[in-house]
Amino acid sequence: MKIGSVADVKTHFSAYIKASEEGPVVVTRNGKPVAALLAVGDEEELERLLMAYSPRWRAILDAARNRVRSGAGIPHEAFWRSAETGKDAGRRSQTKKKAD
């Protein structure tokens, strides 16, 4: 891992980009970390990285976790059955349980 000040990174930006291919580069201001440079291998990796820091995506994940915790999710087995068959097996089993 390489560390560089904002001023040094600004002056030698290309070199720091190259260094990021070997590992994260931490950018500091007044000795404190303020940013990181990360190499991206392909567009899929960039998309995953951007999604990881997306407030909107985080809100969707948090809402889903809350639904599961409150019992509104589908059972683990039903999810995988649904994923394997491409059908909504989990929703059907939930509807059956409510009808019983």
N, C-alpha and C. Protein backbone atom coordinates (compact mmCIF):
# COMPACT_ATOMS: atom_id res chain seq x y z
N MET A 1 0.85 -1.17 0.00
CA MET A 1 0.00 0.00 0.00
C MET A 1 0.89 1.24 0.00
N LYS A 2 0.54 2.16 -0.87
CA LYS A 2 1.31 3.40 -0.98
C LYS A 2 0.51 4.54 -0.35
N ILE A 3 1.19 5.51 0.20
CA ILE A 3 0.55 6.68 0.81
C ILE A 3 1.17 7.92 0.20
N GLY A 4 0.32 8.89 -0.13
CA GLY A 4 0.83 10.14 -0.69
C GLY A 4 -0.04 11.31 -0.29
N SER A 5 0.56 12.46 -0.14
CA SER A 5 -0.19 13.67 0.20
C SER A 5 -0.96 14.14 -1.03
N VAL A 6 -2.00 14.94 -0.80
CA VAL A 6 -2.78 15.49 -1.90
C VAL A 6 -1.87 16.21 -2.88
N ALA A 7 -0.96 17.01 -2.37
CA ALA A 7 -0.06 17.78 -3.23
C ALA A 7 0.81 16.85 -4.08
N ASP A 8 1.37 15.80 -3.46
CA ASP A 8 2.23 14.89 -4.20
C ASP A 8 1.44 14.08 -5.22
N VAL A 9 0.24 13.64 -4.85
CA VAL A 9 -0.60 12.88 -5.78
C VAL A 9 -0.98 13.76 -6.96
N LYS A 10 -1.29 15.02 -6.69
CA LYS A 10 -1.64 15.96 -7.75
C LYS A 10 -0.48 16.14 -8.73
N THR A 11 0.71 16.26 -8.19
CA THR A 11 1.90 16.48 -9.02
C THR A 11 2.29 15.24 -9.82
N HIS A 12 2.11 14.06 -9.22
CA HIS A 12 2.55 12.80 -9.84
C HIS A 12 1.37 11.84 -10.04
N PHE A 13 0.26 12.37 -10.51
CA PHE A 13 -0.97 11.60 -10.60
C PHE A 13 -0.79 10.30 -11.38
N SER A 14 -0.17 10.35 -12.55
CA SER A 14 0.03 9.14 -13.37
C SER A 14 0.78 8.06 -12.61
N ALA A 15 1.79 8.45 -11.87
CA ALA A 15 2.58 7.48 -11.10
C ALA A 15 1.72 6.83 -10.00
N TYR A 16 0.87 7.60 -9.38
CA TYR A 16 0.01 7.05 -8.33
C TYR A 16 -1.06 6.14 -8.92
N ILE A 17 -1.57 6.49 -10.09
CA ILE A 17 -2.53 5.61 -10.76
C ILE A 17 -1.85 4.28 -11.06
N LYS A 18 -0.63 4.33 -11.56
CA LYS A 18 0.13 3.10 -11.84
C LYS A 18 0.35 2.32 -10.55
N ALA A 19 0.68 2.99 -9.48
CA ALA A 19 0.91 2.33 -8.19
C ALA A 19 -0.37 1.67 -7.68
N SER A 20 -1.52 2.22 -8.00
CA SER A 20 -2.79 1.65 -7.53
C SER A 20 -3.05 0.28 -8.15
N GLU A 21 -2.38 -0.05 -9.24
CA GLU A 21 -2.54 -1.37 -9.86
C GLU A 21 -1.96 -2.47 -8.98
N GLU A 22 -1.05 -2.09 -8.08
CA GLU A 22 -0.44 -3.07 -7.17
C GLU A 22 -1.11 -3.10 -5.81
N GLY A 23 -1.95 -2.13 -5.52
CA GLY A 23 -2.66 -2.07 -4.25
C GLY A 23 -3.21 -0.68 -4.03
N PRO A 24 -4.09 -0.54 -3.04
CA PRO A 24 -4.70 0.77 -2.78
C PRO A 24 -3.65 1.84 -2.48
N VAL A 25 -3.95 3.05 -2.91
CA VAL A 25 -3.10 4.20 -2.61
C VAL A 25 -3.92 5.12 -1.70
N VAL A 26 -3.40 5.40 -0.53
CA VAL A 26 -4.09 6.27 0.42
C VAL A 26 -3.59 7.69 0.20
N VAL A 27 -4.54 8.60 0.04
CA VAL A 27 -4.21 10.02 -0.16
C VAL A 27 -4.47 10.73 1.17
N THR A 28 -3.48 11.52 1.59
CA THR A 28 -3.59 12.20 2.88
C THR A 28 -3.60 13.72 2.71
N ARG A 29 -4.22 14.37 3.68
CA ARG A 29 -4.17 15.83 3.78
C ARG A 29 -3.84 16.13 5.24
N ASN A 30 -2.79 16.88 5.44
CA ASN A 30 -2.31 17.18 6.79
C ASN A 30 -2.06 15.90 7.59
N GLY A 31 -1.57 14.86 6.91
CA GLY A 31 -1.24 13.61 7.57
C GLY A 31 -2.41 12.68 7.84
N LYS A 32 -3.63 13.09 7.48
CA LYS A 32 -4.81 12.26 7.73
C LYS A 32 -5.37 11.73 6.41
N PRO A 33 -5.78 10.46 6.38
CA PRO A 33 -6.32 9.90 5.14
C PRO A 33 -7.63 10.58 4.74
N VAL A 34 -7.73 10.94 3.46
CA VAL A 34 -8.94 11.60 2.96
C VAL A 34 -9.52 10.91 1.73
N ALA A 35 -8.75 10.04 1.09
CA ALA A 35 -9.23 9.36 -0.11
C ALA A 35 -8.37 8.13 -0.37
N ALA A 36 -8.85 7.32 -1.30
CA ALA A 36 -8.07 6.15 -1.72
C ALA A 36 -8.20 6.00 -3.23
N LEU A 37 -7.12 5.61 -3.85
CA LEU A 37 -7.13 5.30 -5.28
C LEU A 37 -7.11 3.78 -5.41
N LEU A 38 -8.07 3.26 -6.18
CA LEU A 38 -8.16 1.82 -6.38
C LEU A 38 -8.16 1.53 -7.87
N ALA A 39 -7.36 0.58 -8.27
CA ALA A 39 -7.36 0.16 -9.67
C ALA A 39 -8.64 -0.62 -9.95
N VAL A 40 -9.15 -0.48 -11.15
CA VAL A 40 -10.36 -1.20 -11.56
C VAL A 40 -9.99 -2.08 -12.74
N GLY A 41 -10.27 -3.38 -12.61
CA GLY A 41 -9.90 -4.33 -13.65
C GLY A 41 -10.82 -4.32 -14.86
N ASP A 42 -12.11 -4.10 -14.61
CA ASP A 42 -13.07 -4.10 -15.71
C ASP A 42 -14.33 -3.36 -15.29
N GLU A 43 -15.27 -3.23 -16.20
CA GLU A 43 -16.49 -2.46 -15.92
C GLU A 43 -17.34 -3.11 -14.84
N GLU A 44 -17.36 -4.45 -14.76
CA GLU A 44 -18.13 -5.14 -13.73
C GLU A 44 -17.57 -4.83 -12.34
N GLU A 45 -16.26 -4.80 -12.23
CA GLU A 45 -15.63 -4.49 -10.95
C GLU A 45 -15.96 -3.05 -10.55
N LEU A 46 -15.92 -2.14 -11.51
CA LEU A 46 -16.27 -0.75 -11.23
C LEU A 46 -17.72 -0.65 -10.77
N GLU A 47 -18.61 -1.37 -11.43
CA GLU A 47 -20.03 -1.35 -11.05
C GLU A 47 -20.22 -1.86 -9.62
N ARG A 48 -19.55 -2.95 -9.26
CA ARG A 48 -19.66 -3.48 -7.90
C ARG A 48 -19.13 -2.47 -6.88
N LEU A 49 -18.04 -1.82 -7.20
CA LEU A 49 -17.46 -0.83 -6.30
C LEU A 49 -18.42 0.35 -6.11
N LEU A 50 -18.97 0.85 -7.20
CA LEU A 50 -19.90 1.97 -7.11
C LEU A 50 -21.17 1.60 -6.36
N MET A 51 -21.66 0.38 -6.57
CA MET A 51 -22.86 -0.06 -5.86
C MET A 51 -22.59 -0.18 -4.37
N ALA A 52 -21.41 -0.62 -4.01
CA ALA A 52 -21.07 -0.78 -2.59
C ALA A 52 -21.15 0.54 -1.84
N TYR A 53 -20.94 1.64 -2.54
CA TYR A 53 -20.96 2.95 -1.89
C TYR A 53 -22.17 3.78 -2.26
N SER A 54 -23.15 3.18 -2.91
CA SER A 54 -24.35 3.89 -3.33
C SER A 54 -25.34 3.99 -2.17
N PRO A 55 -25.71 5.22 -1.75
CA PRO A 55 -26.69 5.36 -0.67
C PRO A 55 -28.04 4.72 -1.05
N ARG A 56 -28.41 4.81 -2.30
CA ARG A 56 -29.69 4.24 -2.75
C ARG A 56 -29.65 2.71 -2.65
N TRP A 57 -28.57 2.10 -3.11
CA TRP A 57 -28.43 0.64 -3.03
C TRP A 57 -28.39 0.19 -1.57
N ARG A 58 -27.67 0.92 -0.72
CA ARG A 58 -27.61 0.58 0.71
C ARG A 58 -28.99 0.64 1.33
N ALA A 59 -29.81 1.63 0.94
CA ALA A 59 -31.17 1.75 1.47
C ALA A 59 -32.02 0.55 1.05
N ILE A 60 -31.86 0.11 -0.19
CA ILE A 60 -32.59 -1.07 -0.68
C ILE A 60 -32.20 -2.30 0.13
N LEU A 61 -30.89 -2.49 0.34
CA LEU A 61 -30.42 -3.65 1.11
C LEU A 61 -30.90 -3.59 2.56
N ASP A 62 -30.84 -2.41 3.17
CA ASP A 62 -31.30 -2.26 4.55
C ASP A 62 -32.79 -2.56 4.67
N ALA A 63 -33.60 -2.08 3.71
CA ALA A 63 -35.04 -2.35 3.73
C ALA A 63 -35.30 -3.85 3.58
N ALA A 64 -34.54 -4.51 2.71
CA ALA A 64 -34.70 -5.95 2.52
C ALA A 64 -34.34 -6.71 3.79
N ARG A 65 -33.25 -6.32 4.44
CA ARG A 65 -32.86 -6.98 5.70
C ARG A 65 -33.93 -6.80 6.76
N ASN A 66 -34.50 -5.60 6.84
CA ASN A 66 -35.56 -5.34 7.82
C ASN A 66 -36.79 -6.20 7.54
N ARG A 67 -37.15 -6.37 6.26
CA ARG A 67 -38.29 -7.22 5.91
C ARG A 67 -38.04 -8.66 6.33
N VAL A 68 -36.83 -9.15 6.08
CA VAL A 68 -36.48 -10.52 6.45
C VAL A 68 -36.54 -10.68 7.97
N ARG A 69 -35.98 -9.74 8.70
CA ARG A 69 -35.99 -9.81 10.17
C ARG A 69 -37.41 -9.80 10.74
N SER A 70 -38.30 -9.08 10.07
CA SER A 70 -39.68 -9.00 10.56
C SER A 70 -40.53 -10.19 10.15
N GLY A 71 -39.91 -11.14 9.41
CA GLY A 71 -40.64 -12.33 9.01
C GLY A 71 -41.32 -12.21 7.66
N ALA A 72 -41.09 -11.13 6.96
CA ALA A 72 -41.74 -10.92 5.66
C ALA A 72 -40.96 -11.55 4.50
N GLY A 73 -39.82 -12.14 4.78
CA GLY A 73 -39.03 -12.76 3.72
C GLY A 73 -39.54 -14.16 3.41
N ILE A 74 -38.88 -14.81 2.47
CA ILE A 74 -39.24 -16.18 2.15
C ILE A 74 -38.22 -17.11 2.78
N PRO A 75 -38.61 -18.34 3.09
CA PRO A 75 -37.66 -19.29 3.69
C PRO A 75 -36.46 -19.53 2.76
N HIS A 76 -35.33 -19.82 3.35
CA HIS A 76 -34.08 -20.04 2.63
C HIS A 76 -34.25 -21.08 1.52
N GLU A 77 -34.85 -22.21 1.86
CA GLU A 77 -35.04 -23.28 0.89
C GLU A 77 -35.91 -22.83 -0.27
N ALA A 78 -36.97 -22.08 0.04
CA ALA A 78 -37.88 -21.60 -1.01
C ALA A 78 -37.16 -20.63 -1.94
N PHE A 79 -36.29 -19.79 -1.38
CA PHE A 79 -35.55 -18.86 -2.22
C PHE A 79 -34.70 -19.61 -3.23
N TRP A 80 -33.94 -20.61 -2.75
CA TRP A 80 -33.06 -21.34 -3.65
C TRP A 80 -33.84 -22.19 -4.65
N ARG A 81 -34.98 -22.74 -4.21
CA ARG A 81 -35.83 -23.48 -5.13
C ARG A 81 -36.31 -22.56 -6.24
N SER A 82 -36.71 -21.36 -5.85
CA SER A 82 -37.18 -20.35 -6.81
C SER A 82 -36.05 -19.94 -7.75
N ALA A 83 -34.87 -19.73 -7.21
CA ALA A 83 -33.73 -19.32 -8.03
C ALA A 83 -33.35 -20.39 -9.04
N GLU A 84 -33.42 -21.65 -8.62
CA GLU A 84 -33.05 -22.76 -9.51
C GLU A 84 -34.08 -22.99 -10.61
N THR A 85 -35.36 -22.81 -10.29
CA THR A 85 -36.41 -23.09 -11.28
C THR A 85 -36.83 -21.85 -12.05
N GLY A 86 -36.47 -20.69 -11.52
CA GLY A 86 -36.86 -19.44 -12.18
C GLY A 86 -38.30 -19.06 -11.87
N LYS A 87 -38.93 -19.77 -10.97
CA LYS A 87 -40.32 -19.49 -10.58
C LYS A 87 -40.34 -18.82 -9.23
N ASP A 88 -41.47 -18.27 -8.87
CA ASP A 88 -41.61 -17.59 -7.58
C ASP A 88 -42.15 -18.55 -6.53
N ALA A 89 -41.40 -19.63 -6.26
CA ALA A 89 -41.82 -20.66 -5.32
C ALA A 89 -42.02 -20.11 -3.92
N GLY A 90 -41.19 -19.16 -3.53
CA GLY A 90 -41.29 -18.59 -2.19
C GLY A 90 -42.59 -17.87 -1.96
N ARG A 91 -43.05 -17.11 -2.93
CA ARG A 91 -44.29 -16.36 -2.78
C ARG A 91 -45.48 -17.32 -2.71
N ARG A 92 -45.45 -18.41 -3.50
CA ARG A 92 -46.54 -19.38 -3.46
C ARG A 92 -46.60 -20.06 -2.11
N SER A 93 -45.44 -20.41 -1.54
CA SER A 93 -45.46 -21.10 -0.24
C SER A 93 -45.94 -20.15 0.85
N GLN A 94 -45.62 -18.86 0.76
CA GLN A 94 -46.10 -17.89 1.73
C GLN A 94 -47.61 -17.74 1.61
N THR A 95 -48.13 -17.72 0.38
CA THR A 95 -49.57 -17.58 0.17
C THR A 95 -50.29 -18.80 0.71
N LYS A 96 -49.74 -19.99 0.51
CA LYS A 96 -50.34 -21.22 1.04
C LYS A 96 -50.41 -21.17 2.56
N LYS A 97 -49.33 -20.72 3.20
CA LYS A 97 -49.29 -20.68 4.66
C LYS A 97 -50.37 -19.74 5.19
N LYS A 98 -50.58 -18.61 4.52
CA LYS A 98 -51.58 -17.65 4.97
C LYS A 98 -52.98 -18.22 4.80
N ALA A 99 -53.19 -19.03 3.76
CA ALA A 99 -54.50 -19.59 3.51
C ALA A 99 -54.85 -20.69 4.49
N ASP A 100 -53.84 -21.38 5.03
CA ASP A 100 -54.08 -22.52 5.95
C ASP A 100 -54.61 -22.09 7.29
